Amino acid sequence: MCALRAVADYGDDSGVFLGPTASRAERGGRVSEREARVLGLHEMPDPRAGAGSLTDAMALATHRALSRNRELTLARYELALEATRRPELRTHFDAAGAQFRELLTGLVTGLGSTAPDRHSLSLIAWADGLMFSCVAGSFSACVPTLEEVRASLRELLDGMLATRQAPDD
């Protein structure tokens, strides 16, 4: 029930309080919509702009979740846990995640990924792990700077997108 209380604290952009009379699915949908706006999914770059643009966009979105939107990020994690027990929330939660996953898969494909599904999963897991650790986990008092997030993400992308060479025999 804690997740539902946290989710209910968020109104829509017009300031409408969702309160206890809103359905769980409606609350979950509103949190997902707000998160998509906060993360700036509409700001994701064209893959032709290169890996640097993706690094900058993802780092900024992740840092926003860690710094300016901690409560919304925490509500998303609470919603995720609640969705494991409530099928009506699972549908909304999965649909929201699919939007980002499909966008990210397209971006890494455009950057030349040899395994776009696996690479998008790794990028999402990296971002989720960092956000969870810094919002609710053992690093909650140590939020990284935007440059630190960017450097970490750059290392991950460089490893994923590097051209593999056969070892010298």
Foldseek 3Di string as FASTA:
>chain_A
DVLQVLLQCDDAPVPDRCPPVHDLLVSLLRLLVVLCVLLPLVCQDALVVDPLSNLLSNLNSLLSCLPVNLSSLVSLVSLVVVCVVDVSSVVSNVVSVVVQLVSQLNNVVSNPFPDSNVLSVVVVCVSNVLSCCCRPRDNVVPNDDSVVSSVVVVVSVCVRNPDDDDDDD
